[in-house]
Amino acid sequence: FEDIRIRADVLSRNSGDTFDLAEVKSSTGVKSEHISDAAIQLHVVEGSGIAVRKVFLVHIDNSYVYEGGSYDLSKLFHLVDVTDSARAYLSSIPGSLADMWEMLHQDETPSVDIGAQCNRPYQCPFYGYCRQDSPEHHIEQLPRAKPELMERLRTAGILDISKIPPDFPTLSANQQRVRDAVVTRQPYVGSELSVALAQATYPLHFLDFETFNPALPAYPGTRPYQIIPFQWSLHVRDSEGNLTHDSFLHDGDGDPRGTFATSLLDAIGPEGNIVVYSGYEQTVIKRLAEEFPQYRERLLALCDRLFDLLAVIRTHYYHPEFHGSYSIKSVLPALVPGLTYSDLEIRDGSNASVAFGQMISSDTEAPERERIRDALLAYCKMDTLAMVRLLDTLQGGS
């Protein structure tokens, strides 16, 4: 209608001449941006001559517990009547569309400053395009920078971290470190780094998990989006420097959590710290302790031994090549240039989750399943090896 095309998720006929329009979302609740989505669909459907009685948003109900067999759709999905909100939004649509058409017919790319709107409510598909000519160390790389600080910097004409004056107000201590490291082109090394690293006791167990959280529960007794751990990698270094590796990857039909927990408990020795990168492993272990009370004490005992390498780096170290990110994918090339994920088929946790879903699918042939398995094992092993090498580098330079 009026050169606007929509595809309704559900358009259901009522007993008369009216229809109900439903927009299905993978979220677990209604968000403000969903209303505009439903409203533009209503605008086009009714403009095409179809009478709409009700407009619904349909979202996942993550309180639903899957019992096996066919899904109970009445419990899996929750319908919310947003008719009044969608109709209230209708009056703004013609003006918004006119502005969009005007922009699309321009010969020149519109000039829009980079800002918070680039990621709200979703990351813009032109995110990378608009940053082609940005400074190497753009002010967006300042960690945890609030909108007020970003606006003050832009108002002052500052887009490059290296151009921030040394006494610029309201920079946090961490942001000041980032600024100084960029200006001097030298890493920041905190005076307490060596003390923090010395807290880790041998043998050191470098541990990483991979998980997936399917919208449609894969195993009886689980809920939509419930985190299911399916893989771990473990490098162990003893006090003499010897390094060994062990791993687990579930590839059967059943729920992986029980075997995941028992194999992990069997693999980790009774002494020494468990080195992780972030608090994610602790969160997963605590959930397993709730789900498997028979292993509760042993699992929670692992949490008492965790040593978060990310927390140490975030507090005591910053390299200009981090570019504002403490992700292991950003930290590793800066500190261990020879070690890279680039030659791996799977390079991040999101891809690992998707790959696992493909591997356990009944539609996946055996050769493809084996290929995915090898790729998952290589990726998770790289995560723990990366922590080993990061700690080596930090200990050598602290």
Protein backbone atom coordinates (compact mmCIF):
# COMPACT_ATOMS: atom_id res chain seq x y z
CA PHE A 1 0.00 0.00 0.00
CA GLU A 2 1.49 3.37 -1.10
CA ASP A 3 4.72 1.57 -2.07
CA ILE A 4 5.12 0.12 1.41
CA ARG A 5 5.25 -3.68 1.55
CA ILE A 6 4.72 -5.72 4.70
CA ARG A 7 4.37 -9.44 5.31
CA ALA A 8 2.08 -10.26 8.20
CA ASP A 9 3.10 -13.13 10.46
CA VAL A 10 -0.53 -14.05 11.20
CA LEU A 11 -3.64 -12.67 9.55
CA SER A 12 -6.63 -14.62 10.85
CA ARG A 13 -10.19 -14.29 9.56
CA ASN A 14 -12.94 -13.67 12.08
CA SER A 15 -16.55 -14.86 11.65
CA GLY A 16 -17.51 -11.66 9.82
CA ASP A 17 -15.55 -9.60 7.34
CA THR A 18 -12.78 -8.59 9.75
CA PHE A 19 -9.36 -10.01 10.44
CA ASP A 20 -7.01 -10.08 13.42
CA LEU A 21 -3.40 -9.12 12.79
CA ALA A 22 -0.61 -10.69 14.85
CA GLU A 23 3.09 -9.84 14.85
CA VAL A 24 5.27 -12.60 16.34
CA LYS A 25 8.44 -11.64 18.22
CA SER A 26 11.20 -13.83 19.58
CA SER A 27 11.47 -11.63 22.68
CA THR A 28 9.93 -12.50 26.03
CA GLY A 29 7.89 -9.30 26.33
CA VAL A 30 6.51 -6.30 24.47
CA LYS A 31 8.98 -3.50 23.68
CA SER A 32 8.18 0.04 22.57
CA GLU A 33 9.65 -0.54 19.11
CA HIS A 34 7.24 -3.42 18.60
CA ILE A 35 4.31 -0.99 18.62
CA SER A 36 5.61 0.96 15.63
CA ASP A 37 6.24 -2.34 13.85
CA ALA A 38 2.65 -3.45 14.43
CA ALA A 39 1.32 0.00 13.48
CA ILE A 40 3.01 0.11 10.06
CA GLN A 41 1.56 -3.33 9.34
CA LEU A 42 -1.86 -2.12 10.38
CA HIS A 43 -1.44 0.95 8.16
CA VAL A 44 -0.68 -1.17 5.10
CA VAL A 45 -3.23 -3.93 5.75
CA GLU A 46 -6.10 -1.51 6.28
CA GLY A 47 -4.90 0.70 3.43
CA SER A 48 -5.21 -2.37 1.21
CA GLY A 49 -8.89 -2.64 2.10
CA ILE A 50 -8.76 -5.30 4.79
CA ALA A 51 -10.71 -4.49 7.96
CA VAL A 52 -8.72 -5.25 11.13
CA ARG A 53 -10.54 -5.88 14.38
CA LYS A 54 -7.61 -6.54 16.74
CA VAL A 55 -3.82 -6.21 16.63
CA PHE A 56 -1.75 -8.58 18.73
CA LEU A 57 1.89 -8.95 19.61
CA VAL A 58 2.85 -12.56 20.18
CA HIS A 59 5.98 -13.27 22.20
CA ILE A 60 7.69 -16.22 23.84
CA ASP A 61 6.57 -17.06 27.37
CA ASN A 62 9.78 -18.13 29.08
CA SER A 63 7.93 -19.52 32.09
CA TYR A 64 6.69 -22.42 29.95
CA VAL A 65 8.31 -25.73 30.91
CA TYR A 66 8.58 -28.16 28.02
CA GLU A 67 7.30 -31.64 28.89
CA GLY A 68 8.48 -33.40 25.74
CA GLY A 69 6.69 -34.31 22.53
CA SER A 70 4.75 -31.58 20.74
CA TYR A 71 4.96 -28.05 22.09
CA ASP A 72 1.92 -26.68 23.92
CA LEU A 73 1.53 -23.55 21.80
CA SER A 74 -0.97 -21.99 24.20
CA LYS A 75 1.75 -21.96 26.84
CA LEU A 76 4.77 -21.40 24.62
CA PHE A 77 3.36 -18.13 23.23
CA HIS A 78 1.71 -15.19 24.96
CA LEU A 79 -0.67 -12.88 23.09
CA VAL A 80 -0.88 -9.21 24.01
CA ASP A 81 -3.63 -6.99 22.63
CA VAL A 82 -1.94 -3.80 21.39
CA THR A 83 -4.81 -2.53 19.25
CA ASP A 84 -5.20 0.78 21.06
CA SER A 85 -1.44 1.50 21.09
CA ALA A 86 -1.05 0.60 17.42
CA ARG A 87 -3.99 2.77 16.38
CA ALA A 88 -2.69 5.66 18.47
CA TYR A 89 0.60 5.41 16.56
CA LEU A 90 -1.12 5.47 13.15
CA SER A 91 -1.42 9.26 13.01
CA SER A 92 2.38 9.69 12.98
CA ILE A 93 3.01 7.22 10.15
CA PRO A 94 2.21 9.40 7.09
CA GLY A 95 4.61 12.12 8.25
CA SER A 96 7.35 9.61 9.02
CA LEU A 97 6.94 7.94 5.64
CA ALA A 98 7.09 11.29 3.87
CA ASP A 99 10.39 12.08 5.61
CA MET A 100 11.77 8.66 4.65
CA TRP A 101 10.77 9.02 1.00
CA GLU A 102 12.30 12.48 0.87
CA MET A 103 15.58 11.15 2.25
CA LEU A 104 15.64 8.17 -0.13
CA HIS A 105 15.19 10.42 -3.16
CA GLN A 106 18.15 12.63 -2.28
CA ASP A 107 21.29 12.39 -4.42
CA GLU A 108 23.63 12.76 -1.45
CA THR A 109 24.01 10.59 1.63
CA PRO A 110 22.31 12.36 4.55
CA SER A 111 24.69 13.86 7.07
CA VAL A 112 23.94 12.37 10.47
CA ASP A 113 26.39 12.50 13.35
CA ILE A 114 27.40 9.22 14.97
CA GLY A 115 25.57 8.88 18.27
CA ALA A 116 23.52 6.74 20.61
CA GLN A 117 20.89 6.22 17.89
CA CYS A 118 23.37 4.01 16.02
CA ASN A 119 22.59 1.18 18.46
CA ARG A 120 19.05 1.96 19.61
CA PRO A 121 16.81 0.07 19.50
CA TYR A 122 19.01 -2.06 17.19
CA GLN A 123 22.40 -1.59 15.63
CA CYS A 124 21.99 0.25 12.34
CA PRO A 125 22.95 -1.76 9.22
CA PHE A 126 25.10 1.22 8.17
CA TYR A 127 27.07 1.13 11.45
CA GLY A 128 30.35 0.16 9.79
CA TYR A 129 29.77 2.31 6.72
CA CYS A 130 29.42 5.49 8.78
CA ARG A 131 32.66 4.74 10.61
CA GLN A 132 34.86 4.25 7.55
CA ASP A 133 36.62 7.56 8.05
CA SER A 134 36.50 7.63 11.85
CA PRO A 135 39.70 8.15 13.85
CA GLU A 136 41.51 4.96 14.83
CA HIS A 137 40.71 5.70 18.46
CA HIS A 138 37.22 7.17 18.23
CA ILE A 139 35.67 8.49 21.45
CA GLU A 140 33.12 5.66 21.20
CA GLN A 141 35.96 3.43 22.43
CA LEU A 142 35.98 5.10 25.85
CA PRO A 143 34.74 2.34 28.19
CA ARG A 144 31.36 2.89 29.83
CA ALA A 145 31.05 6.43 28.52
CA LYS A 146 27.68 7.96 29.40
CA PRO A 147 25.72 9.93 26.79
CA GLU A 148 26.41 13.17 28.69
CA LEU A 149 30.18 12.72 28.35
CA MET A 150 29.89 11.84 24.66
CA GLU A 151 27.81 14.94 24.04
CA ARG A 152 30.33 17.18 25.83
CA LEU A 153 33.15 15.75 23.73
CA ARG A 154 31.24 16.19 20.47
CA THR A 155 30.25 19.74 21.43
CA ALA A 156 33.93 20.47 22.01
CA GLY A 157 34.69 19.12 18.53
CA ILE A 158 36.57 16.09 19.90
CA LEU A 159 36.07 12.76 18.12
CA ASP A 160 39.57 11.34 18.61
CA ILE A 161 40.60 10.08 22.05
CA SER A 162 44.13 11.37 21.43
CA LYS A 163 42.70 14.91 21.20
CA ILE A 164 41.09 14.84 24.64
CA PRO A 165 42.87 17.37 26.91
CA PRO A 166 44.58 15.80 29.94
CA ASP A 167 42.32 17.72 32.32
CA PHE A 168 39.02 17.13 30.51
CA PRO A 169 36.34 16.98 33.24
CA THR A 170 34.26 13.95 34.28
CA LEU A 171 36.50 11.27 32.78
CA SER A 172 36.52 8.21 35.04
CA ALA A 173 39.83 6.78 36.22
CA ASN A 174 39.57 4.00 33.64
CA GLN A 175 38.69 6.42 30.84
CA GLN A 176 41.66 8.58 31.83
CA ARG A 177 43.92 5.52 31.54
CA VAL A 178 42.56 4.83 28.08
CA ARG A 179 43.15 8.44 27.06
CA ASP A 180 46.72 8.41 28.41
CA ALA A 181 47.54 5.06 26.77
CA VAL A 182 46.30 6.30 23.39
CA VAL A 183 48.20 9.59 23.66
CA THR A 184 51.50 7.98 24.74
CA ARG A 185 50.99 4.87 22.58
CA GLN A 186 52.11 2.87 25.58
CA PRO A 187 50.09 0.35 27.59
CA TYR A 188 48.91 1.21 31.06
CA VAL A 189 50.35 -1.23 33.62
CA GLY A 190 48.94 -0.83 37.11
CA SER A 191 51.31 -0.94 40.04
CA GLU A 192 49.28 -3.78 41.59
CA LEU A 193 49.18 -6.00 38.50
CA SER A 194 51.89 -8.37 39.71
CA VAL A 195 50.21 -8.62 43.12
CA ALA A 196 46.87 -9.47 41.52
CA LEU A 197 48.42 -12.12 39.28
CA ALA A 198 50.28 -13.65 42.19
CA GLN A 199 46.95 -14.51 43.83
CA ALA A 200 46.49 -17.37 41.34
CA THR A 201 47.72 -20.63 42.86
CA TYR A 202 48.96 -23.71 40.98
CA PRO A 203 47.96 -25.98 39.43
CA LEU A 204 46.06 -23.50 37.26
CA HIS A 205 42.93 -24.75 35.50
CA PHE A 206 41.99 -22.57 32.51
CA LEU A 207 38.30 -23.17 31.92
CA ASP A 208 35.83 -22.11 29.22
CA PHE A 209 32.21 -23.11 28.54
CA GLU A 210 30.06 -23.05 25.43
CA THR A 211 26.29 -22.88 25.82
CA PHE A 212 23.15 -22.46 23.76
CA ASN A 213 19.73 -21.10 24.68
CA PRO A 214 17.15 -22.12 22.05
CA ALA A 215 13.84 -20.27 21.86
CA LEU A 216 12.16 -23.65 21.40
CA PRO A 217 13.24 -25.84 24.34
CA ALA A 218 15.28 -28.79 23.13
CA TYR A 219 14.96 -31.01 26.21
CA PRO A 220 12.09 -31.94 28.56
CA GLY A 221 12.14 -29.96 31.79
CA THR A 222 13.71 -26.88 30.19
CA ARG A 223 12.24 -23.48 29.33
CA PRO A 224 12.54 -21.18 26.30
CA TYR A 225 15.92 -19.44 26.24
CA GLN A 226 17.20 -21.48 29.18
CA ILE A 227 21.00 -21.62 29.06
CA ILE A 228 22.17 -25.16 28.31
CA PRO A 229 25.93 -25.83 28.63
CA PHE A 230 27.12 -28.38 26.09
CA GLN A 231 30.93 -28.04 25.95
CA TRP A 232 33.94 -27.25 28.10
CA SER A 233 37.66 -26.92 27.47
CA LEU A 234 40.28 -27.22 30.19
CA HIS A 235 44.00 -26.46 30.03
CA VAL A 236 45.91 -27.29 33.20
CA ARG A 237 49.35 -25.91 34.04
CA ASP A 238 51.25 -27.29 37.02
CA SER A 239 53.84 -25.48 39.11
CA GLU A 240 56.64 -26.78 36.89
CA GLY A 241 55.09 -25.28 33.76
CA ASN A 242 53.74 -28.49 32.21
CA LEU A 243 50.55 -27.93 30.20
CA THR A 244 47.83 -30.51 29.52
CA HIS A 245 44.43 -30.26 27.84
CA ASP A 246 41.09 -32.01 28.30
CA SER A 247 37.66 -31.32 26.82
CA PHE A 248 34.02 -32.36 26.69
CA LEU A 249 31.49 -31.93 23.89
CA HIS A 250 28.03 -33.41 24.06
CA ASP A 251 26.90 -34.96 20.81
CA GLY A 252 24.10 -37.28 21.85
CA ASP A 253 20.34 -36.91 21.71
CA GLY A 254 19.66 -36.30 25.40
CA ASP A 255 20.04 -33.35 27.74
CA PRO A 256 23.77 -32.57 28.01
CA ARG A 257 23.70 -30.89 31.43
CA GLY A 258 24.13 -33.93 33.66
CA THR A 259 27.06 -35.37 31.73
CA PHE A 260 28.52 -31.90 31.37
CA ALA A 261 28.52 -31.48 35.16
CA THR A 262 29.90 -34.90 36.06
CA SER A 263 32.64 -34.85 33.43
CA LEU A 264 33.70 -31.37 34.59
CA LEU A 265 33.85 -32.46 38.24
CA ASP A 266 35.93 -35.50 37.28
CA ALA A 267 38.36 -33.44 35.17
CA ILE A 268 39.16 -30.62 37.61
CA GLY A 269 41.63 -31.52 40.33
CA PRO A 270 41.01 -30.68 44.00
CA GLU A 271 43.64 -27.95 44.25
CA GLY A 272 44.59 -24.73 42.48
CA ASN A 273 42.68 -21.84 41.01
CA ILE A 274 40.30 -22.11 38.06
CA VAL A 275 41.09 -19.31 35.61
CA VAL A 276 38.12 -17.93 33.66
CA TYR A 277 37.51 -14.87 31.52
CA SER A 278 34.42 -13.09 32.95
CA GLY A 279 31.83 -14.31 35.43
CA TYR A 280 29.92 -16.39 32.92
CA GLU A 281 31.31 -19.76 34.00
CA GLN A 282 30.36 -19.01 37.59
CA THR A 283 26.79 -18.21 36.53
CA VAL A 284 26.52 -21.49 34.60
CA ILE A 285 28.00 -23.53 37.46
CA LYS A 286 25.58 -22.01 39.99
CA ARG A 287 22.63 -22.82 37.74
CA LEU A 288 23.83 -26.39 37.38
CA ALA A 289 24.07 -26.60 41.17
CA GLU A 290 20.40 -25.62 41.40
CA GLU A 291 19.34 -28.01 38.66
CA PHE A 292 21.35 -30.98 40.00
CA PRO A 293 21.21 -30.84 43.81
CA GLN A 294 23.13 -34.12 44.04
CA TYR A 295 26.21 -32.26 42.77
CA ARG A 296 25.46 -28.95 44.47
CA GLU A 297 28.25 -28.88 47.05
CA ARG A 298 30.94 -30.04 44.63
CA LEU A 299 29.86 -27.56 41.96
CA LEU A 300 29.68 -24.61 44.33
CA ALA A 301 33.13 -25.52 45.64
CA LEU A 302 34.44 -24.82 42.13
CA CYS A 303 33.09 -21.27 42.35
CA ASP A 304 35.22 -20.63 45.44
CA ARG A 305 38.34 -21.33 43.33
CA LEU A 306 37.56 -19.10 40.32
CA PHE A 307 40.13 -16.50 39.25
CA ASP A 308 38.70 -13.98 36.78
CA LEU A 309 41.46 -12.91 34.39
CA LEU A 310 39.14 -10.36 32.76
CA ALA A 311 38.66 -8.56 36.09
CA VAL A 312 42.43 -8.39 36.57
CA ILE A 313 43.04 -6.95 33.10
CA ARG A 314 40.15 -4.50 33.36
CA THR A 315 41.50 -3.18 36.67
CA HIS A 316 45.26 -3.22 36.09
CA TYR A 317 46.04 -3.16 32.36
CA TYR A 318 45.12 -1.37 29.15
CA HIS A 319 46.71 -1.49 25.73
CA PRO A 320 45.87 1.10 23.02
CA GLU A 321 45.15 -1.77 20.63
CA PHE A 322 42.25 -2.92 22.81
CA HIS A 323 40.27 -0.08 21.21
CA GLY A 324 38.05 0.19 24.25
CA SER A 325 37.11 -3.49 24.41
CA TYR A 326 38.25 -6.02 27.01
CA SER A 327 36.82 -8.92 25.04
CA ILE A 328 39.33 -11.74 24.73
CA LYS A 329 39.04 -11.36 20.94
CA SER A 330 40.33 -7.77 21.32
CA VAL A 331 42.87 -8.39 24.08
CA LEU A 332 44.53 -11.44 22.53
CA PRO A 333 45.91 -9.88 19.30
CA ALA A 334 47.27 -6.92 21.29
CA LEU A 335 49.15 -9.05 23.83
CA VAL A 336 49.80 -12.29 21.90
CA PRO A 337 50.07 -11.29 18.24
CA GLY A 338 51.04 -14.75 17.03
CA LEU A 339 47.89 -16.42 18.36
CA THR A 340 44.73 -15.87 16.33
CA TYR A 341 41.18 -17.08 15.78
CA SER A 342 41.30 -16.09 12.11
CA ASP A 343 42.03 -19.57 10.78
CA LEU A 344 39.22 -21.21 12.77
CA GLU A 345 35.87 -22.05 11.20
CA ILE A 346 34.05 -21.00 14.40
CA ARG A 347 35.32 -17.74 15.88
CA ASP A 348 32.85 -16.66 18.56
CA GLY A 349 30.38 -18.02 21.06
CA SER A 350 27.29 -17.06 19.06
CA ASN A 351 28.47 -19.07 16.08
CA ALA A 352 29.33 -21.96 18.39
CA SER A 353 25.75 -21.99 19.71
CA VAL A 354 24.31 -22.07 16.22
CA ALA A 355 26.78 -24.76 15.14
CA PHE A 356 25.85 -26.98 18.08
CA GLY A 357 22.17 -26.72 17.16
CA GLN A 358 23.07 -27.82 13.63
CA MET A 359 25.26 -30.66 14.89
CA ILE A 360 22.54 -32.26 17.04
CA SER A 361 19.79 -31.79 14.44
CA SER A 362 18.37 -35.03 13.06
CA ASP A 363 18.61 -33.48 9.60
CA THR A 364 22.40 -33.22 9.76
CA GLU A 365 24.29 -36.00 8.00
CA ALA A 366 27.11 -37.83 9.82
CA PRO A 367 30.03 -36.29 7.85
CA GLU A 368 28.70 -32.77 8.43
CA ARG A 369 28.13 -33.54 12.10
CA GLU A 370 31.73 -34.68 12.45
CA ARG A 371 33.01 -31.55 10.71
CA ILE A 372 31.05 -29.32 13.06
CA ARG A 373 32.26 -31.31 16.06
CA ASP A 374 35.90 -30.78 15.05
CA ALA A 375 35.27 -27.06 14.56
CA LEU A 376 33.64 -26.72 17.99
CA LEU A 377 36.47 -28.55 19.71
CA ALA A 378 39.06 -26.35 18.00
CA TYR A 379 37.26 -23.14 18.94
CA CYS A 380 36.73 -23.92 22.62
CA LYS A 381 40.31 -25.18 22.94
CA MET A 382 41.53 -21.86 21.52
CA ASP A 383 39.60 -19.95 24.19
CA THR A 384 41.41 -21.68 27.05
CA LEU A 385 44.78 -21.62 25.27
CA ALA A 386 44.28 -17.88 24.78
CA MET A 387 43.94 -17.44 28.55
CA VAL A 388 47.12 -19.44 29.10
CA ARG A 389 49.10 -17.22 26.74
CA LEU A 390 47.54 -14.01 28.09
CA LEU A 391 48.56 -14.91 31.61
CA ASP A 392 52.07 -15.79 30.42
CA THR A 393 52.41 -12.39 28.75
CA LEU A 394 51.05 -10.46 31.71
CA GLN A 395 53.28 -12.29 34.16
CA GLY A 396 56.28 -11.61 31.96
CA GLY A 397 55.56 -7.89 31.74
CA SER A 398 54.24 -7.15 35.21
